[in-house]
Amino acid sequence: QIINSFNTFATNHALLNSFGYGDISRVDVIEYAQGHFPLMYIHTDRDNLQNSVSNYAFQVLICDKLFDDRSNALDAASTCHQIAIDFVSEFRDQFSTDGFELNESSVTINYIEEQYSEWCIGWLMNITVKVPDGLSACSIPNK
């Protein structure tokens, strides 16, 4: 459900053209060919269960293709940063109504220039989302 919320954000954001999910170190930006940037790519990092709350850690990559001559570096970095800020704002407000909580103190936004299958420029966020687990022995399915 959280990933679906991220996908909906990407689909509805006027500046984003692609959404993906998986291991960020294996993102193949060539598959997000010309016209499909900027892209948002989500990696589930871990789940830490504490006091009946699941703390899901995610890495969120928001990037654009970096031209060979770097002529788009400033514009691409700025656009991707704005998308990252929009993402945090959206989920700070939306998650509280969906039963999730974005742990704002966990958010880090780091500038990247990274070579995946192509050179990309943008921002890599680390976020934590708190979800009450709602688990009890009564909710375990039995045969």
Protein backbone atom coordinates (compact mmCIF):
# COMPACT_ATOMS: atom_id res chain seq x y z
CA GLN A 1 0.00 0.00 0.00
CA ILE A 2 2.87 2.41 0.73
CA ILE A 3 4.53 1.66 -2.63
CA ASN A 4 1.19 2.25 -4.35
CA SER A 5 1.01 5.66 -2.67
CA PHE A 6 4.51 6.46 -3.97
CA ASN A 7 3.47 5.34 -7.47
CA THR A 8 0.35 7.53 -7.33
CA PHE A 9 2.50 10.51 -6.32
CA ALA A 10 4.83 9.89 -9.28
CA THR A 11 1.94 9.43 -11.71
CA ASN A 12 0.26 12.66 -10.60
CA HIS A 13 3.35 14.88 -10.28
CA ALA A 14 3.65 17.19 -13.30
CA LEU A 15 7.48 16.98 -13.38
CA LEU A 16 7.91 13.19 -13.04
CA ASN A 17 7.71 10.94 -16.08
CA SER A 18 8.61 7.48 -14.71
CA PHE A 19 8.32 5.35 -11.60
CA GLY A 20 10.20 2.20 -10.71
CA TYR A 21 10.71 -0.10 -7.76
CA GLY A 22 13.55 -2.46 -6.87
CA ASP A 23 17.22 -2.45 -5.99
CA ILE A 24 18.60 1.03 -6.73
CA SER A 25 22.07 -0.35 -7.47
CA ARG A 26 20.50 -2.28 -10.36
CA VAL A 27 18.35 0.48 -11.84
CA ASP A 28 18.68 0.43 -15.62
CA VAL A 29 18.10 4.01 -16.63
CA ILE A 30 18.33 3.06 -20.31
CA GLU A 31 14.90 1.47 -19.94
CA TYR A 32 13.70 4.95 -18.91
CA ALA A 33 14.73 6.24 -22.32
CA GLN A 34 14.52 9.75 -23.68
CA GLY A 35 11.28 11.43 -22.71
CA HIS A 36 10.85 9.40 -19.54
CA PHE A 37 12.94 11.53 -17.20
CA PRO A 38 12.92 12.67 -14.48
CA LEU A 39 12.26 9.37 -12.78
CA MET A 40 11.50 8.26 -9.24
CA TYR A 41 12.82 4.88 -8.14
CA ILE A 42 12.02 3.28 -4.78
CA HIS A 43 14.07 0.72 -2.85
CA THR A 44 12.73 -0.89 0.32
CA ASP A 45 15.66 -0.91 2.69
CA ARG A 46 14.34 -2.62 5.85
CA ASP A 47 11.48 -3.01 8.30
CA ASN A 48 12.13 -2.56 11.99
CA LEU A 49 9.28 -3.68 14.29
CA GLN A 50 9.21 -1.72 17.57
CA ASN A 51 6.41 -1.34 20.11
CA SER A 52 3.71 -2.59 17.70
CA VAL A 53 4.87 -0.19 14.97
CA SER A 54 6.59 -1.21 11.75
CA ASN A 55 9.25 1.30 10.72
CA TYR A 56 9.77 0.87 6.98
CA ALA A 57 12.96 2.42 5.65
CA PHE A 58 13.04 3.41 1.99
CA GLN A 59 15.56 4.90 -0.38
CA VAL A 60 13.93 7.22 -2.89
CA LEU A 61 15.96 8.13 -5.98
CA ILE A 62 14.77 11.13 -7.97
CA CYS A 63 17.01 11.73 -10.93
CA ASP A 64 17.35 12.97 -14.46
CA LYS A 65 19.70 11.95 -17.25
CA LEU A 66 22.87 14.03 -17.26
CA PHE A 67 23.85 15.22 -20.73
CA ASP A 68 27.39 14.39 -21.87
CA ASP A 69 28.30 18.09 -21.92
CA ARG A 70 26.66 18.60 -18.48
CA SER A 71 24.66 21.52 -19.90
CA ASN A 72 21.55 20.41 -18.01
CA ALA A 73 23.24 19.80 -14.63
CA LEU A 74 21.93 22.85 -12.76
CA ASP A 75 18.41 22.66 -14.16
CA ALA A 76 18.12 18.88 -13.64
CA ALA A 77 19.44 19.03 -10.06
CA SER A 78 17.08 21.88 -9.22
CA THR A 79 14.04 20.17 -10.73
CA CYS A 80 14.80 16.91 -8.94
CA HIS A 81 15.30 18.73 -5.64
CA GLN A 82 11.90 20.38 -6.01
CA ILE A 83 10.33 16.97 -6.63
CA ALA A 84 12.04 15.63 -3.48
CA ILE A 85 10.66 18.52 -1.41
CA ASP A 86 7.20 17.96 -2.93
CA PHE A 87 7.46 14.27 -2.02
CA VAL A 88 8.23 15.01 1.63
CA SER A 89 5.45 17.61 1.81
CA GLU A 90 2.91 15.27 0.21
CA PHE A 91 3.61 12.34 2.51
CA ARG A 92 3.99 14.40 5.65
CA ASP A 93 0.38 15.49 5.13
CA GLN A 94 -1.17 12.49 3.33
CA PHE A 95 0.19 9.67 5.45
CA SER A 96 -1.40 11.02 8.59
CA THR A 97 -4.82 10.51 6.97
CA ASP A 98 -3.90 7.05 5.61
CA GLY A 99 -2.76 5.64 8.97
CA PHE A 100 0.92 6.00 8.09
CA GLU A 101 3.35 8.52 9.46
CA LEU A 102 6.40 9.92 7.72
CA ASN A 103 9.11 10.24 10.33
CA GLU A 104 10.34 13.70 9.28
CA SER A 105 13.38 13.51 11.53
CA SER A 106 14.53 10.47 9.51
CA VAL A 107 14.49 12.25 6.13
CA THR A 108 17.84 12.87 4.49
CA ILE A 109 18.23 14.25 0.98
CA ASN A 110 21.64 13.77 -0.62
CA TYR A 111 22.85 15.13 -3.96
CA ILE A 112 24.04 12.47 -6.40
CA GLU A 113 25.81 12.23 -9.72
CA GLU A 114 25.84 8.53 -10.35
CA GLN A 115 26.56 6.26 -13.25
CA TYR A 116 23.99 3.54 -13.53
CA SER A 117 23.58 2.43 -17.14
CA GLU A 118 23.79 6.18 -17.94
CA TRP A 119 25.02 9.18 -15.96
CA CYS A 120 22.25 10.59 -13.77
CA ILE A 121 21.99 13.65 -11.58
CA GLY A 122 19.51 14.21 -8.78
CA TRP A 123 18.80 13.40 -5.17
CA LEU A 124 18.71 10.25 -3.06
CA MET A 125 16.43 10.39 -0.05
CA ASN A 126 16.35 8.09 2.94
CA ILE A 127 12.99 8.07 4.68
CA THR A 128 11.22 6.07 7.36
CA VAL A 129 7.48 5.45 7.39
CA LYS A 130 5.78 4.34 10.60
CA VAL A 131 2.84 1.94 10.29
CA PRO A 132 0.94 0.50 13.25
CA ASP A 133 1.21 -3.25 12.74
CA GLY A 134 -2.29 -4.17 13.90
CA LEU A 135 -1.10 -7.70 14.54
CA SER A 136 -2.39 -10.04 17.18
CA ALA A 137 -2.48 -13.78 17.55
CA CYS A 138 -6.14 -13.58 16.45
CA SER A 139 -5.13 -12.26 13.01
CA ILE A 140 -2.94 -15.27 12.13
CA PRO A 141 -4.68 -17.36 9.44
CA ASN A 142 -5.35 -20.91 10.52
CA LYS A 143 -6.25 -23.95 8.42
